[in-house]
């Protein structure tokens, strides 16, 4: 595998396939793993909100051949965010916005659970300590891989300012903390939206070749969509259901979740960073909100289920939110004072 002595400014799909992170044969991959610490293919060293479309579009997606790129370990999120922030700077940043999802999937095999990290994640999100992973935890484990995909020049939505508008997780069976996971990620279903463009980023976790977990995150890249027009009047909001719990959400939620998730988007951790993207103060991560809601349902969920949420209005930090849930496992998160919706979800 070729190493470069100096950093490059780009990491395109072409480079992923043919350059420093070229496809590795099964034989070479096994040899490197057997040797312990081998080639480092992290970015550092290779130098290299809004409406949510709740329909599952995967059945309508034409199956296309994607080039698979095997990475030897999870990428380093910090370097990827620095690249994304640089790309947001006028003149020096990239202005590319392709009209299709990148025809590549990234894979990392042999990912194990750091139990100390899992315990800290459980604390931040409100889960009890357990040998079974929370439904949202594989998302955190595989997030750096998805982030690397989202920072390639071929990804059609800019990472900085992107809005996470929905997430669907399917747990096929309980995943134990002692299991070793293989992750694969790709993007699909690029589509117009009245406020820009949406795209789905799919992350799959497998154990021994069996898919055990699948997550689909829907992102909105703000902009004027072709044939778009003004935003639709949402109409009068229905009254929220009676709250079953109130939670005080402090600014530490932003920084603590950033630390355990690797999602260091400054809109969650910095007042200045939030203002740069139009928010008066930092906002909570959408996936923290989802995880906190699932923690409130912990012990009552089936072993296999799909949980889908739509992220509505952002949760400003600090604030107090009201959680509500029905026996049919519809749940929601609202502002405790104004009743403005932050999240709506279902478990099936």
Protein backbone atom coordinates (compact mmCIF):
# COMPACT_ATOMS: atom_id res chain seq x y z
CA UNK A 1 0.00 0.00 0.00
CA UNK A 2 1.40 3.34 -1.04
CA UNK A 3 2.08 6.01 1.57
CA UNK A 4 2.44 9.69 0.81
CA UNK A 5 4.97 11.86 2.54
CA UNK A 6 2.91 15.06 2.39
CA UNK A 7 -0.78 15.74 2.95
CA UNK A 8 -2.97 16.17 -0.08
CA UNK A 9 -5.92 18.56 -0.30
CA UNK A 10 -8.39 16.06 -1.70
CA UNK A 11 -9.61 12.60 -0.85
CA UNK A 12 -11.80 11.61 -3.76
CA UNK A 13 -13.50 8.33 -4.46
CA UNK A 14 -10.88 7.77 -7.15
CA UNK A 15 -8.16 8.12 -4.51
CA UNK A 16 -10.05 5.83 -2.15
CA UNK A 17 -10.15 3.13 -4.80
CA UNK A 18 -6.83 3.58 -6.53
CA UNK A 19 -4.72 5.62 -4.13
CA UNK A 20 -3.44 5.21 -0.59
CA UNK A 21 -6.57 3.40 0.55
CA UNK A 22 -6.89 1.08 -2.40
CA UNK A 23 -8.96 -2.11 -2.14
CA UNK A 24 -7.08 -4.67 -0.08
CA UNK A 25 -7.25 -8.37 -0.76
CA UNK A 26 -8.59 -10.70 1.92
CA UNK A 27 -5.13 -12.31 2.19
CA UNK A 28 -3.36 -8.97 2.76
CA UNK A 29 -6.03 -7.80 5.17
CA UNK A 30 -5.68 -10.93 7.28
CA UNK A 31 -1.89 -10.58 7.29
CA UNK A 32 -2.01 -7.00 8.52
CA UNK A 33 -4.50 -7.82 11.27
CA UNK A 34 -2.40 -10.78 12.39
CA UNK A 35 0.61 -8.47 12.70
CA UNK A 36 -1.26 -6.14 15.05
CA UNK A 37 -0.70 -2.45 14.40
CA UNK A 38 -0.07 -2.21 10.70
CA UNK A 39 -0.78 0.35 8.07
CA UNK A 40 -2.67 3.40 9.36
CA UNK A 41 -5.29 4.47 6.88
CA UNK A 42 -6.75 7.29 8.94
CA UNK A 43 -7.03 10.62 7.20
CA UNK A 44 -4.26 11.97 9.43
CA UNK A 45 -1.76 9.53 8.10
CA UNK A 46 -2.95 8.73 4.62
CA UNK A 47 -2.61 12.41 3.99
CA UNK A 48 -4.52 12.34 2.40
CA UNK A 49 -34.24 20.25 10.17
CA UNK A 50 -37.69 20.60 8.24
CA UNK A 51 -39.54 17.74 6.77
CA UNK A 52 -38.47 14.16 7.06
CA UNK A 53 -39.48 11.75 4.35
CA UNK A 54 -40.73 8.93 6.54
CA UNK A 55 -41.30 6.49 3.71
CA UNK A 56 -38.71 3.76 3.51
CA UNK A 57 -37.29 4.32 0.05
CA UNK A 58 -34.85 1.45 0.05
CA UNK A 59 -37.24 -0.87 -1.78
CA UNK A 60 -37.51 1.64 -4.62
CA UNK A 61 -33.80 2.18 -5.01
CA UNK A 62 -32.27 0.74 -8.12
CA UNK A 63 -29.51 -1.61 -7.15
CA UNK A 64 -26.26 -0.27 -8.45
CA UNK A 65 -22.81 -1.74 -8.37
CA UNK A 66 -20.71 0.12 -5.83
CA UNK A 67 -17.00 -0.16 -5.49
CA UNK A 68 -16.11 -1.40 -2.02
CA UNK A 69 -13.17 0.10 -0.18
CA UNK A 70 -11.86 -1.83 2.81
CA UNK A 71 -10.26 0.34 5.48
CA UNK A 72 -8.06 -1.23 8.11
CA UNK A 73 -9.48 0.79 11.01
CA UNK A 74 -12.01 3.49 11.72
CA UNK A 75 -10.99 6.92 10.40
CA UNK A 76 -10.14 9.81 12.72
CA UNK A 77 -13.17 12.13 13.00
CA UNK A 78 -11.17 15.23 13.98
CA UNK A 79 -9.27 15.40 10.70
CA UNK A 80 -12.48 14.92 8.74
CA UNK A 81 -14.19 17.81 10.52
CA UNK A 82 -11.20 20.06 9.92
CA UNK A 83 -11.40 19.26 6.22
CA UNK A 84 -15.16 19.97 6.19
CA UNK A 85 -14.68 23.31 7.96
CA UNK A 86 -11.98 24.30 5.51
CA UNK A 87 -14.23 23.45 2.62
CA UNK A 88 -16.83 25.88 4.00
CA UNK A 89 -14.43 28.83 3.70
CA UNK A 90 -15.15 30.94 0.59
CA UNK A 91 -12.53 30.89 -2.19
CA UNK A 92 -10.36 28.14 -0.70
CA UNK A 93 -13.19 25.70 -0.08
CA UNK A 94 -14.56 23.25 -2.61
CA UNK A 95 -17.71 24.22 -4.45
CA UNK A 96 -18.41 20.77 -5.96
CA UNK A 97 -21.90 19.40 -5.55
CA UNK A 98 -22.47 16.29 -7.66
CA UNK A 99 -25.96 15.29 -8.75
CA UNK A 100 -25.71 11.68 -7.60
CA UNK A 101 -24.69 9.73 -4.52
CA UNK A 102 -21.10 8.44 -4.64
CA UNK A 103 -20.93 4.95 -6.14
CA UNK A 104 -18.68 3.60 -3.41
CA UNK A 105 -19.16 1.83 -0.10
CA UNK A 106 -16.65 1.95 2.73
CA UNK A 107 -16.08 -1.01 5.04
CA UNK A 108 -14.21 -1.69 8.27
CA UNK A 109 -14.09 -5.18 9.77
CA UNK A 110 -13.25 -6.39 13.24
CA UNK A 111 -14.57 -3.48 15.32
CA UNK A 112 -14.80 -4.26 19.03
CA UNK A 113 -16.60 -2.49 21.86
CA UNK A 114 -14.60 -0.38 24.29
CA UNK A 115 -16.51 -1.13 27.49
CA UNK A 116 -15.31 2.03 29.24
CA UNK A 117 -16.52 4.08 26.29
CA UNK A 118 -19.83 2.18 26.29
CA UNK A 119 -20.28 2.95 30.00
CA UNK A 120 -19.65 6.65 29.37
CA UNK A 121 -22.09 6.65 26.45
CA UNK A 122 -24.70 5.00 28.68
CA UNK A 123 -24.17 7.70 31.31
CA UNK A 124 -24.48 10.58 28.84
CA UNK A 125 -27.63 9.17 27.21
CA UNK A 126 -29.35 7.76 30.31
CA UNK A 127 -29.06 4.03 29.59
CA UNK A 128 -28.44 1.43 32.28
CA UNK A 129 -25.17 -0.47 32.17
CA UNK A 130 -25.70 -3.70 30.30
CA UNK A 131 -23.91 -6.30 28.19
CA UNK A 132 -26.44 -5.61 25.42
CA UNK A 133 -25.69 -2.59 23.27
CA UNK A 134 -28.27 0.23 23.19
CA UNK A 135 -29.96 0.39 19.80
CA UNK A 136 -28.21 3.69 19.07
CA UNK A 137 -24.71 2.60 20.05
CA UNK A 138 -23.69 0.91 16.77
CA UNK A 139 -24.45 4.26 15.11
CA UNK A 140 -21.73 5.79 17.27
CA UNK A 141 -19.34 2.94 16.59
CA UNK A 142 -19.70 3.29 12.82
CA UNK A 143 -20.13 7.05 12.66
CA UNK A 144 -16.49 7.81 11.70
CA UNK A 145 -16.87 5.54 8.67
CA UNK A 146 -20.04 7.35 7.55
CA UNK A 147 -18.32 10.67 8.22
CA UNK A 148 -15.47 9.75 5.94
CA UNK A 149 -17.94 8.97 3.17
CA UNK A 150 -19.67 12.33 3.75
CA UNK A 151 -16.40 14.24 3.42
CA UNK A 152 -15.39 12.87 0.02
CA UNK A 153 -15.61 15.42 -2.81
CA UNK A 154 -18.19 13.20 -4.53
CA UNK A 155 -20.69 13.49 -1.64
CA UNK A 156 -23.46 15.79 -2.94
CA UNK A 157 -24.35 17.57 0.33
CA UNK A 158 -21.83 19.75 2.22
CA UNK A 159 -21.11 18.49 5.71
CA UNK A 160 -20.92 21.92 7.32
CA UNK A 161 -24.43 23.20 7.93
CA UNK A 162 -26.01 19.85 7.01
CA UNK A 163 -29.18 19.11 8.97
CA UNK A 164 -29.91 15.64 10.32
CA UNK A 165 -33.69 15.38 9.72
CA UNK A 166 -34.41 11.72 10.37
CA UNK A 167 -33.00 8.40 11.48
CA UNK A 168 -34.29 4.83 11.25
CA UNK A 169 -32.64 1.97 13.13
CA UNK A 170 -33.49 -1.71 12.76
CA UNK A 171 -32.23 -4.08 15.44
CA UNK A 172 -32.48 -7.62 14.06
CA UNK A 173 -31.40 -9.17 17.35
CA UNK A 174 -29.71 -8.04 20.55
CA UNK A 175 -26.07 -7.18 19.97
CA UNK A 176 -23.75 -8.07 22.82
CA UNK A 177 -20.84 -5.95 23.98
CA UNK A 178 -18.48 -8.87 23.53
CA UNK A 179 -19.23 -9.33 19.83
CA UNK A 180 -17.01 -8.14 17.01
CA UNK A 181 -18.76 -6.04 14.37
CA UNK A 182 -18.10 -5.42 10.69
CA UNK A 183 -19.40 -2.10 9.31
CA UNK A 184 -20.30 -1.04 5.77
CA UNK A 185 -21.66 2.37 4.74
CA UNK A 186 -22.98 3.90 1.53
CA UNK A 187 -25.22 6.79 0.43
CA UNK A 188 -28.41 6.56 -1.62
CA UNK A 189 -31.70 8.24 -2.56
CA UNK A 190 -30.45 11.73 -3.36
CA UNK A 191 -33.66 13.69 -3.92
CA UNK A 192 -34.93 17.27 -4.10
CA UNK A 193 -36.57 18.92 -1.12
CA UNK A 194 -38.40 22.24 -0.80
CA UNK A 195 -35.43 23.53 1.19
CA UNK A 196 -32.60 21.92 -0.74
CA UNK A 197 -31.64 18.27 -1.22
CA UNK A 198 -31.92 15.18 0.95
CA UNK A 199 -29.79 12.08 0.98
CA UNK A 200 -29.76 8.87 3.01
CA UNK A 201 -26.57 7.49 4.54
CA UNK A 202 -26.88 3.77 5.28
CA UNK A 203 -24.74 2.08 7.91
CA UNK A 204 -24.89 -1.70 8.39
CA UNK A 205 -23.34 -3.79 11.18
CA UNK A 206 -22.80 -7.52 10.80
CA UNK A 207 -21.49 -10.32 13.00
CA UNK A 208 -19.95 -13.28 11.25
CA UNK A 209 -21.57 -12.30 7.96
CA UNK A 210 -25.06 -11.90 9.52
CA UNK A 211 -26.62 -8.44 9.46
CA UNK A 212 -27.60 -7.61 13.04
CA UNK A 213 -28.18 -3.86 12.87
CA UNK A 214 -28.99 -1.27 10.19
CA UNK A 215 -29.21 2.51 10.47
CA UNK A 216 -30.41 4.99 7.87
CA UNK A 217 -29.75 8.67 8.52
CA UNK A 218 -31.46 11.28 6.35
CA UNK A 219 -29.63 14.55 5.88
CA UNK A 220 -30.79 17.84 4.39
CA UNK A 221 -28.41 20.11 2.56
CA UNK A 222 -30.02 23.52 2.59
CA UNK A 223 -30.36 25.38 -0.68
CA UNK A 224 -32.82 26.22 -3.40
CA UNK A 225 -34.17 23.09 -4.99
CA UNK A 226 -35.00 23.07 -8.67
CA UNK A 227 -38.70 23.74 -9.04
CA UNK A 228 -38.81 24.40 -5.30
CA UNK A 229 -40.67 27.46 -4.17
CA UNK A 230 -41.57 28.72 -0.79
CA UNK A 231 -41.87 26.65 2.32
CA UNK A 232 -45.26 25.13 2.94
CA UNK A 233 -47.42 26.47 5.77
CA UNK A 234 -47.22 23.78 8.47
CA UNK A 235 -50.67 24.80 9.70
CA UNK A 236 -51.76 24.76 13.30
CA UNK A 237 -49.80 22.31 15.40
CA UNK A 238 -51.80 19.72 17.31
CA UNK A 239 -51.53 19.78 21.08
CA UNK A 240 -48.74 17.50 22.30
CA UNK A 241 -49.60 14.39 24.31
CA UNK A 242 -49.38 14.54 28.08
CA UNK A 243 -45.80 14.47 29.26
CA UNK A 244 -44.56 11.44 31.14
CA UNK A 245 -41.20 13.03 32.06
CA UNK A 246 -39.37 16.37 31.99
CA UNK A 247 -35.63 16.57 31.40
CA UNK A 248 -33.33 19.53 31.91
CA UNK A 249 -30.87 19.63 29.03
CA UNK A 250 -27.72 21.55 29.91
CA UNK A 251 -24.92 22.79 27.63
CA UNK A 252 -22.80 19.87 28.82
CA UNK A 253 -25.05 17.55 26.84
CA UNK A 254 -23.56 19.02 23.66
CA UNK A 255 -19.94 18.64 24.69
CA UNK A 256 -20.38 15.30 26.47
CA UNK A 257 -22.22 13.71 23.54
CA UNK A 258 -19.67 15.11 21.10
CA UNK A 259 -16.95 13.40 23.10
CA UNK A 260 -18.61 9.97 23.22
CA UNK A 261 -20.02 10.07 19.69
CA UNK A 262 -17.17 11.66 17.77
CA UNK A 263 -19.65 14.17 16.29
CA UNK A 264 -17.85 17.44 16.98
CA UNK A 265 -19.97 19.63 14.71
CA UNK A 266 -19.54 23.09 16.29
CA UNK A 267 -23.28 23.81 16.15
CA UNK A 268 -23.51 21.46 19.14
CA UNK A 269 -20.52 22.58 21.17
CA UNK A 270 -19.78 26.24 20.49
CA UNK A 271 -21.90 29.40 20.72
CA UNK A 272 -19.82 30.96 17.97
CA UNK A 273 -20.03 27.83 15.84
CA UNK A 274 -23.78 27.73 16.29
CA UNK A 275 -24.14 31.39 15.29
CA UNK A 276 -22.13 30.81 12.14
CA UNK A 277 -24.88 28.44 11.00
CA UNK A 278 -27.85 30.55 12.09
CA UNK A 279 -28.51 29.23 15.61
CA UNK A 280 -28.46 31.74 18.52
CA UNK A 281 -26.90 29.13 20.80
CA UNK A 282 -25.69 25.52 20.56
CA UNK A 283 -28.23 22.78 19.90
CA UNK A 284 -28.34 19.19 21.11
CA UNK A 285 -27.39 16.38 18.77
CA UNK A 286 -30.41 14.73 17.22
CA UNK A 287 -29.02 11.28 18.00
CA UNK A 288 -28.64 12.22 21.68
CA UNK A 289 -32.35 13.12 21.70
CA UNK A 290 -33.21 9.78 20.11
CA UNK A 291 -30.97 7.85 22.48
CA UNK A 292 -32.42 9.65 25.52
CA UNK A 293 -35.96 8.74 24.43
CA UNK A 294 -35.01 5.08 23.95
CA UNK A 295 -33.35 5.08 27.37
CA UNK A 296 -36.71 6.14 28.82
CA UNK A 297 -38.27 3.05 27.17
CA UNK A 298 -35.46 0.72 28.22
CA UNK A 299 -36.58 -2.66 29.51
CA UNK A 300 -39.87 -2.50 27.60
CA UNK A 301 -38.60 -2.83 24.05
CA UNK A 302 -38.69 -6.15 22.14
CA UNK A 303 -35.52 -7.95 21.17
CA UNK A 304 -35.99 -7.08 17.48
CA UNK A 305 -37.59 -3.82 16.38
CA UNK A 306 -37.34 -0.78 14.15
CA UNK A 307 -37.28 2.67 15.71
CA UNK A 308 -37.78 5.65 13.45
CA UNK A 309 -37.63 9.32 14.37
CA UNK A 310 -38.10 12.62 12.60
CA UNK A 311 -36.11 15.49 14.02
CA UNK A 312 -38.27 18.62 14.06
CA UNK A 313 -37.12 21.85 15.70
CA UNK A 314 -33.65 21.86 17.28
CA UNK A 315 -33.22 21.52 21.03
CA UNK A 316 -31.42 24.70 22.18
CA UNK A 317 -28.94 24.41 25.01
CA UNK A 318 -29.89 24.91 27.78
CA UNK A 319 -33.61 24.12 27.89
CA UNK A 320 -36.21 21.82 29.48
CA UNK A 321 -37.94 19.22 27.31
CA UNK A 322 -41.07 17.12 27.85
CA UNK A 323 -41.05 13.44 26.88
CA UNK A 324 -44.26 11.55 26.10
CA UNK A 325 -44.93 7.96 25.05
CA UNK A 326 -47.96 5.80 24.35
CA UNK A 327 -48.41 2.07 24.89
CA UNK A 328 -48.22 1.57 21.13
CA UNK A 329 -44.72 3.01 21.27
CA UNK A 330 -45.32 6.33 19.63
CA UNK A 331 -43.16 8.84 21.43
CA UNK A 332 -42.27 12.51 21.19
CA UNK A 333 -40.10 15.24 22.63
CA UNK A 334 -41.43 18.80 23.00
CA UNK A 335 -40.33 22.09 24.52
CA UNK A 336 -41.70 22.00 28.07
CA UNK A 337 -42.74 25.68 27.99
CA UNK A 338 -43.91 26.32 24.42
CA UNK A 339 -44.84 22.73 23.37
CA UNK A 340 -42.87 23.19 20.13
CA UNK A 341 -41.96 19.76 18.76
CA UNK A 342 -38.37 18.58 18.79
CA UNK A 343 -38.74 14.91 17.84
CA UNK A 344 -41.46 12.42 16.95
CA UNK A 345 -40.84 8.70 16.76
CA UNK A 346 -42.25 5.20 16.56
CA UNK A 347 -41.12 1.75 17.61
CA UNK A 348 -42.49 -1.20 15.63
